[in-house]
Protein backbone atom coordinates (compact mmCIF):
# COMPACT_ATOMS: atom_id res chain seq x y z
CA MET A 1 0.04 0.04 0.09
CA LYS A 2 1.30 3.27 -1.19
CA ASN A 3 2.16 6.12 1.66
CA ASN A 4 -0.53 8.51 1.49
CA ARG A 5 -0.08 10.65 4.28
CA ASN A 6 -0.49 14.42 3.94
CA ASN A 7 2.57 16.22 4.90
CA SER A 8 0.99 19.25 4.53
CA LYS A 9 -0.33 19.25 8.50
CA LYS A 10 1.20 21.48 10.93
CA PRO A 11 3.27 19.81 13.38
CA MET A 12 1.16 18.79 16.34
CA ASN A 13 1.52 20.48 19.80
CA ARG A 14 3.36 17.96 22.11
CA ARG A 15 1.24 19.23 25.46
CA THR A 16 -1.92 19.18 23.80
CA PHE A 17 -1.48 16.01 22.52
CA LEU A 18 -0.66 14.41 25.77
CA LYS A 19 -4.17 16.31 27.61
CA ASN A 20 -6.31 15.28 24.47
CA SER A 21 -5.56 11.63 23.92
CA ALA A 22 -3.23 10.20 26.88
CA LEU A 23 -5.97 7.74 27.95
CA MET A 24 -8.43 7.80 24.63
CA GLY A 25 -8.10 4.33 23.10
CA LEU A 26 -5.06 2.89 24.26
CA THR A 27 -6.54 -0.38 23.65
CA GLY A 28 -7.31 0.65 20.36
CA ILE A 29 -7.67 -2.16 17.42
CA ALA A 30 -5.40 -4.68 18.77
CA ALA A 31 -8.23 -7.07 19.65
CA SER A 32 -8.61 -9.08 16.86
CA PHE A 33 -5.63 -8.62 15.11
CA PRO A 34 -3.02 -11.25 15.90
CA GLU A 35 -5.68 -13.91 14.18
CA ARG A 36 -5.27 -11.86 11.04
CA ILE A 37 -1.56 -11.55 10.88
CA ARG A 38 -1.13 -15.21 12.14
CA ALA A 39 -3.11 -16.73 9.10
CA SER A 40 -0.82 -14.50 6.75
CA ALA A 41 2.86 -15.33 8.61
CA SER A 42 2.25 -18.81 8.57
CA ARG A 43 2.88 -18.98 5.26
CA VAL A 44 6.70 -18.98 5.15
CA ASN A 45 8.79 -17.62 2.55
CA THR A 46 12.22 -18.45 3.17
CA THR A 47 13.38 -15.45 1.37
CA VAL A 48 14.96 -12.46 3.26
CA GLU A 49 16.18 -9.59 1.91
CA ALA A 50 18.50 -7.67 4.34
CA THR A 51 19.71 -4.48 3.34
CA LYS A 52 23.35 -5.08 4.93
CA ASN A 53 24.66 -8.19 6.56
CA PHE A 54 27.13 -7.11 9.20
CA ARG A 55 29.73 -9.42 11.03
CA PHE A 56 31.03 -9.66 14.71
CA ASP A 57 34.35 -8.10 14.75
CA SER A 58 37.50 -10.51 15.61
CA ARG A 59 36.21 -10.24 19.69
CA GLY A 60 33.07 -11.36 18.66
CA LYS A 61 31.56 -7.87 19.27
CA PHE A 62 29.21 -5.80 17.64
CA LYS A 63 28.65 -1.98 18.64
CA ILE A 64 25.47 0.23 17.44
CA LEU A 65 25.06 3.68 18.34
CA GLN A 66 21.64 5.08 18.36
CA PHE A 67 21.45 9.17 17.61
CA THR A 68 17.95 10.24 18.48
CA ASP A 69 16.17 13.97 17.73
CA THR A 70 19.04 15.71 16.59
CA HIS A 71 16.27 18.39 15.53
CA TYR A 72 19.24 19.90 13.13
CA ILE A 73 18.27 23.42 11.07
CA SER A 74 21.21 24.30 8.58
CA GLY A 75 22.37 27.75 9.11
CA ASP A 76 20.70 27.98 13.05
CA PRO A 77 23.65 28.43 15.59
CA ARG A 78 21.43 26.79 18.17
CA SER A 79 22.27 23.59 16.04
CA GLU A 80 25.96 23.59 16.32
CA GLN A 81 25.51 21.62 19.91
CA ALA A 82 23.89 18.92 18.20
CA LEU A 83 26.51 18.69 15.05
CA LYS A 84 29.54 18.95 18.06
CA ASN A 85 27.80 15.95 20.14
CA VAL A 86 27.41 13.71 16.72
CA CYS A 87 31.16 13.97 15.86
CA GLU A 88 32.39 13.78 19.57
CA ILE A 89 30.27 10.46 20.46
CA LEU A 90 31.32 9.07 16.90
CA ASP A 91 35.21 9.46 17.62
CA TRP A 92 34.78 8.33 21.38
CA GLU A 93 32.83 5.25 20.32
CA LYS A 94 33.89 4.07 17.00
CA PRO A 95 30.84 2.02 16.49
CA ASP A 96 30.10 -0.66 13.64
CA VAL A 97 27.03 1.10 12.53
CA VAL A 98 24.80 4.03 13.50
CA ILE A 99 20.82 4.07 13.43
CA HIS A 100 19.01 7.52 13.89
CA THR A 101 15.61 6.99 15.03
CA GLY A 102 14.19 9.87 13.73
CA ASP A 103 13.30 13.74 14.10
CA ILE A 104 16.77 14.06 12.18
CA ILE A 105 16.01 18.01 11.13
CA PHE A 106 13.42 20.39 12.44
CA GLY A 107 13.43 23.24 9.61
CA GLU A 108 14.24 24.21 6.06
CA PRO A 109 16.56 23.62 4.03
CA ALA A 110 15.83 20.38 4.54
CA GLU A 111 18.23 18.94 2.39
CA ALA A 112 21.54 20.85 3.52
CA SER A 113 20.22 19.88 7.24
CA LEU A 114 19.93 16.55 6.49
CA CYS A 115 23.22 16.53 4.77
CA GLU A 116 25.52 18.40 7.53
CA ILE A 117 23.86 16.40 10.23
CA LEU A 118 24.56 13.15 8.92
CA SER A 119 28.02 13.59 7.04
CA PRO A 120 30.01 12.93 10.32
CA MET A 121 29.34 9.37 9.06
CA SER A 122 30.37 9.53 5.96
CA GLU A 123 33.51 11.20 6.94
CA ARG A 124 34.51 8.34 9.30
CA LYS A 125 33.16 5.81 6.46
CA ILE A 126 30.88 4.49 9.11
CA PRO A 127 27.72 2.78 7.99
CA PHE A 128 24.65 4.29 8.94
CA ALA A 129 20.60 4.01 8.83
CA VAL A 130 17.59 6.14 9.68
CA ALA A 131 14.11 5.56 11.11
CA LEU A 132 12.42 8.68 10.13
CA GLY A 133 10.62 10.60 12.67
CA ASN A 134 7.43 12.59 13.06
CA HIS A 135 8.92 16.18 11.88
CA ASP A 136 11.27 14.98 9.46
CA GLY A 137 8.59 15.47 6.47
CA GLN A 138 7.36 18.48 7.61
CA TYR A 139 9.38 21.37 6.04
CA ASP A 140 10.24 21.84 2.41
CA LYS A 141 10.91 17.93 1.57
CA ASN A 142 7.94 15.44 2.05
CA ARG A 143 8.83 12.14 3.87
CA LYS A 144 9.54 10.19 0.68
CA GLU A 145 11.85 13.05 -0.45
CA VAL A 146 13.72 13.03 2.44
CA PHE A 147 14.22 9.49 2.53
CA ASP A 148 15.67 9.75 -1.09
CA ILE A 149 17.91 12.57 -0.05
CA VAL A 150 19.28 10.29 3.06
CA LYS A 151 19.76 7.48 0.39
CA THR A 152 22.11 9.49 -1.63
CA ILE A 153 24.56 10.33 1.57
CA PRO A 154 27.55 8.33 1.20
CA TYR A 155 27.77 5.19 3.72
CA ASN A 156 23.85 5.20 4.11
CA ILE A 157 22.50 1.66 4.12
CA ASN A 158 18.91 2.32 4.02
CA LYS A 159 16.88 0.40 1.25
CA GLY A 160 13.35 0.56 2.19
CA VAL A 161 10.66 -2.06 2.13
CA GLU A 162 8.20 -1.95 -1.18
CA GLY A 163 4.65 -1.76 -0.68
CA ILE A 164 4.05 -1.75 3.06
CA TYR A 165 3.39 1.75 4.83
CA GLY A 166 5.78 4.15 5.41
CA ASP A 167 9.19 4.79 3.86
CA SER A 168 12.34 3.80 6.11
CA ASN A 169 11.47 0.20 7.10
CA ASP A 170 14.34 -1.94 7.15
CA LEU A 171 16.22 -5.05 8.49
CA PHE A 172 19.82 -5.93 8.75
CA THR A 173 21.36 -8.54 10.19
CA VAL A 174 24.61 -9.57 12.31
CA ASN A 175 26.41 -12.62 11.31
CA SER A 176 29.59 -14.60 12.30
CA SER A 177 32.37 -15.32 10.66
CA ASP A 178 30.85 -18.45 8.55
CA GLY A 179 28.00 -16.03 7.84
CA LYS A 180 25.51 -17.64 10.04
CA THR A 181 23.03 -14.93 11.33
CA HIS A 182 23.09 -14.33 15.19
CA TYR A 183 21.01 -11.07 15.39
CA VAL A 184 18.34 -9.24 13.63
CA LEU A 185 17.95 -5.45 13.71
CA TYR A 186 14.64 -3.99 12.27
CA LEU A 187 13.81 -0.60 11.60
CA PHE A 188 10.13 0.61 11.05
CA ASP A 189 8.79 3.95 10.09
CA SER A 190 6.60 5.22 12.62
CA GLY A 191 5.01 7.96 10.37
CA ASP A 192 4.05 11.32 11.55
CA THR A 193 0.17 11.98 12.55
CA CYS A 194 -2.52 9.55 11.71
CA SER A 195 -4.59 10.41 9.13
CA ASP A 196 -7.86 9.26 10.23
CA LEU A 197 -9.55 11.72 12.52
CA ASP A 198 -11.18 9.14 14.30
CA MET A 199 -8.14 8.04 15.96
CA GLN A 200 -6.38 11.45 15.86
CA GLY A 201 -2.30 11.64 17.36
CA TYR A 202 0.31 10.34 16.27
CA ASP A 203 0.65 7.70 13.96
CA TYR A 204 1.18 4.07 14.56
CA ILE A 205 2.96 1.22 13.01
CA HIS A 206 0.66 -0.71 10.16
CA PHE A 207 -0.94 -3.96 10.08
CA ASP A 208 1.02 -4.33 6.75
CA GLN A 209 4.38 -3.29 8.50
CA ILE A 210 3.65 -5.89 11.34
CA GLU A 211 3.15 -8.87 8.43
CA TRP A 212 6.16 -7.97 7.16
CA TYR A 213 7.90 -8.37 10.38
CA ARG A 214 6.23 -11.53 11.29
CA LYS A 215 7.30 -13.10 7.73
CA GLN A 216 10.86 -12.13 8.15
CA SER A 217 10.71 -13.15 11.78
CA GLU A 218 8.96 -16.85 10.60
CA THR A 219 11.80 -17.24 7.87
CA PHE A 220 14.55 -16.58 10.47
CA ARG A 221 13.09 -19.06 12.83
CA TYR A 222 13.06 -21.50 10.19
CA ARG A 223 16.35 -20.92 9.10
CA ASN A 224 17.43 -21.21 13.07
CA ASN A 225 15.93 -24.74 13.67
CA ASP A 226 12.87 -23.30 14.49
CA LYS A 227 13.98 -21.22 17.59
CA PRO A 228 13.19 -17.12 17.51
CA LEU A 229 16.40 -15.46 16.10
CA PRO A 230 17.57 -12.77 18.42
CA ALA A 231 16.28 -9.31 17.36
CA LEU A 232 16.22 -5.69 18.27
CA ALA A 233 13.47 -3.02 16.92
CA PHE A 234 14.40 0.85 16.12
CA PHE A 235 11.51 3.28 15.46
CA HIS A 236 10.70 6.88 16.52
CA ILE A 237 7.05 7.16 18.32
CA PRO A 238 6.72 4.81 21.16
CA VAL A 239 4.40 2.06 21.39
CA PRO A 240 1.45 2.61 23.68
CA GLU A 241 2.74 -0.24 26.05
CA PHE A 242 5.44 2.22 27.04
CA THR A 243 2.40 4.39 28.63
CA TYR A 244 0.96 0.62 30.09
CA ALA A 245 4.09 -0.09 32.10
CA LEU A 246 4.10 3.62 33.87
CA ARG A 247 0.48 4.23 34.53
CA TYR A 248 -1.00 0.61 35.02
CA GLU A 249 1.69 -1.70 36.03
CA THR A 250 4.21 -1.95 39.30
CA HIS A 251 6.03 -4.88 38.44
CA ARG A 252 8.77 -3.53 36.20
CA ILE A 253 12.16 -2.93 36.48
CA PHE A 254 13.48 0.94 35.86
CA LYS A 255 16.29 2.48 35.14
CA GLY A 256 17.41 5.88 33.86
CA ASN A 257 15.58 9.03 33.74
CA LEU A 258 11.66 9.77 33.09
CA GLY A 259 11.36 13.24 32.55
CA GLU A 260 8.04 13.33 30.77
CA ASP A 261 4.80 10.88 29.87
CA PRO A 262 5.24 8.98 27.02
CA CYS A 263 3.52 10.14 23.65
CA PRO A 264 2.81 7.07 21.83
CA PRO A 265 -0.13 6.61 19.31
CA SER A 266 -3.87 6.88 20.73
CA VAL A 267 -4.20 3.42 19.34
CA ASN A 268 -2.58 0.07 19.56
CA SER A 269 -1.97 -1.65 16.53
CA GLY A 270 -0.48 -4.72 17.99
CA LEU A 271 2.91 -4.89 17.20
CA PHE A 272 3.99 -5.20 20.88
CA VAL A 273 1.88 -8.27 21.16
CA SER A 274 3.11 -9.46 17.84
CA MET A 275 6.48 -9.31 18.86
CA LYS A 276 5.92 -11.26 22.35
CA GLU A 277 4.41 -14.13 20.00
CA ARG A 278 7.20 -14.53 17.91
CA GLY A 279 9.36 -14.57 20.92
CA ASP A 280 12.65 -12.95 19.09
CA VAL A 281 12.63 -9.06 19.70
CA LYS A 282 14.40 -8.48 22.89
CA ALA A 283 14.07 -4.61 23.09
CA ILE A 284 12.01 -2.15 21.51
CA ILE A 285 14.06 1.20 21.06
CA CYS A 286 12.57 4.70 20.53
CA GLY A 287 13.30 8.26 20.66
CA HIS A 288 10.73 11.21 20.51
CA ASP A 289 10.32 12.02 24.07
CA HIS A 290 13.39 14.28 24.69
CA ASN A 291 13.38 14.04 28.37
CA ASN A 292 13.04 10.33 28.64
CA ASP A 293 16.35 8.16 28.54
CA TYR A 294 14.98 5.01 30.33
CA ALA A 295 15.59 1.26 30.42
CA MET A 296 12.52 -0.53 31.33
CA LYS A 297 11.74 -4.32 31.66
CA TRP A 298 7.98 -4.90 31.52
CA ARG A 299 6.37 -8.26 30.69
CA GLY A 300 9.49 -9.66 29.52
CA MET A 301 10.38 -6.77 26.99
CA PHE A 302 12.79 -4.30 27.56
CA LEU A 303 11.27 -0.65 26.14
CA ILE A 304 14.28 1.78 25.86
CA TYR A 305 14.68 5.37 25.22
CA GLY A 306 17.46 6.82 23.07
CA ARG A 307 19.50 9.56 24.83
CA PHE A 308 18.52 13.22 23.35
CA SER A 309 21.15 14.07 20.98
CA GLY A 310 19.57 17.56 19.82
CA CYS A 311 20.03 21.18 20.64
CA ASP A 312 18.00 24.19 21.60
CA THR A 313 15.87 24.33 18.42
CA VAL A 314 13.52 21.80 20.47
CA TYR A 315 12.62 21.56 24.48
CA ASN A 316 15.30 19.57 26.10
CA ASP A 317 15.41 19.38 29.99
CA LEU A 318 17.75 16.43 29.96
CA LYS A 319 21.14 17.66 29.72
CA PRO A 320 23.74 17.34 28.31
CA ASN A 321 23.10 15.70 25.21
CA GLY A 322 24.47 12.42 24.32
CA ALA A 323 23.44 8.86 22.64
CA ARG A 324 22.62 5.61 23.33
CA LEU A 325 25.01 2.41 22.45
CA PHE A 326 24.40 -1.59 22.23
CA GLU A 327 26.72 -4.07 22.12
CA LEU A 328 25.90 -7.45 21.03
CA THR A 329 28.08 -10.51 21.80
CA GLU A 330 28.40 -13.56 19.44
CA GLY A 331 26.41 -16.75 20.63
CA GLU A 332 24.65 -14.59 23.15
CA GLU A 333 20.72 -13.38 23.00
CA GLY A 334 21.73 -10.70 25.82
CA PHE A 335 23.11 -7.16 24.96
CA ARG A 336 25.11 -4.40 26.92
CA SER A 337 23.70 -0.81 26.43
CA TRP A 338 25.20 2.08 28.09
CA ILE A 339 24.78 6.05 27.28
CA ARG A 340 27.42 8.45 26.42
CA LEU A 341 26.92 12.06 27.59
CA SER A 342 28.83 15.19 25.54
CA GLY A 343 31.72 15.41 27.41
CA GLY A 344 32.46 12.08 27.63
CA GLU A 345 30.61 10.91 30.32
CA ILE A 346 29.23 7.34 30.54
CA THR A 347 26.42 6.22 32.46
CA GLN A 348 23.64 3.72 32.44
CA ASP A 349 26.27 0.92 31.73
CA LEU A 350 24.02 -2.18 31.79
CA LEU A 351 23.77 -5.74 31.13
CA PHE A 352 20.83 -6.98 30.04
CA PRO A 353 18.57 -9.34 30.77
CA ASP A 354 20.71 -9.84 33.80
CA ALA A 355 18.52 -7.71 36.09
CA TYR A 356 20.09 -4.94 34.71
CA ARG A 357 23.25 -5.58 35.79
CA THR A 358 26.19 -2.94 35.91
CA TYR A 359 28.59 -3.74 33.18
């Protein structure tokens, strides 16, 4: 299905959204969803088209650096801190891949802004991918045009998935030296605002995106002797379960900063439930809410925010800016994650799923 979002809509006011839709329809339309998708995903397609196949290094390690919400504006002095942060953390951490989880830019000119804030990866020859945020297509380029520009920047590895909602859906694999896949990285395009006025609010992961994920997941399981292949999922707007876990449940493990209520869609399309059913995704990793950087375990899933990587073009009370990192180890389903702050300090250095044991 073609992406038919109306990109002429004005950006949504964050505080208005929280007031009007925090509790509206959170159970949404997920109740009858799993059976629809299960029937479709049961037809195993043994072809997986990964955009990029990575390999563990000689130590059996693989490092992912997540930038999020840089909100960069070319020519705006307030954006200098975001660019400085990106360059410094790349030099400190030297990741194997960078994943930017959206709201890359925050104004015109879109093309110049995109090229300037993403060029540090190109200059350092570091592969990078993006999962677009809700603001990225709201200026002088729509979302497809923004995604097409991103794909022209050297060392970008985005390809996109034809025929499903959104532009920046992708998957990558991390393989051993013998070529066997040990980990999968999923990127989802979480859209901007919902086009259906009866479900007003932020956009959601659509059914065809979830069906695509389930088919890929089933194929990886088929190839892995009928065992789920460990995976991480990256996108911009958090799923409603981020809210459920905070408001309605006390049985959770929580580390990090909670500076504002999560701002998910007003409806639940069932992505979290699908991932629990498939048993492969170990963590959902988002951005969007600038004052949050916590990692929370809820119902056997890790719900994780990246660290705000931007500048004073937008609200940000969680200072200094920084980035979150993930380290995978060959042969292990768990992972290590930490936050590198601008200035060099490391915080939240944790091992998952070992009860958030400090590394």
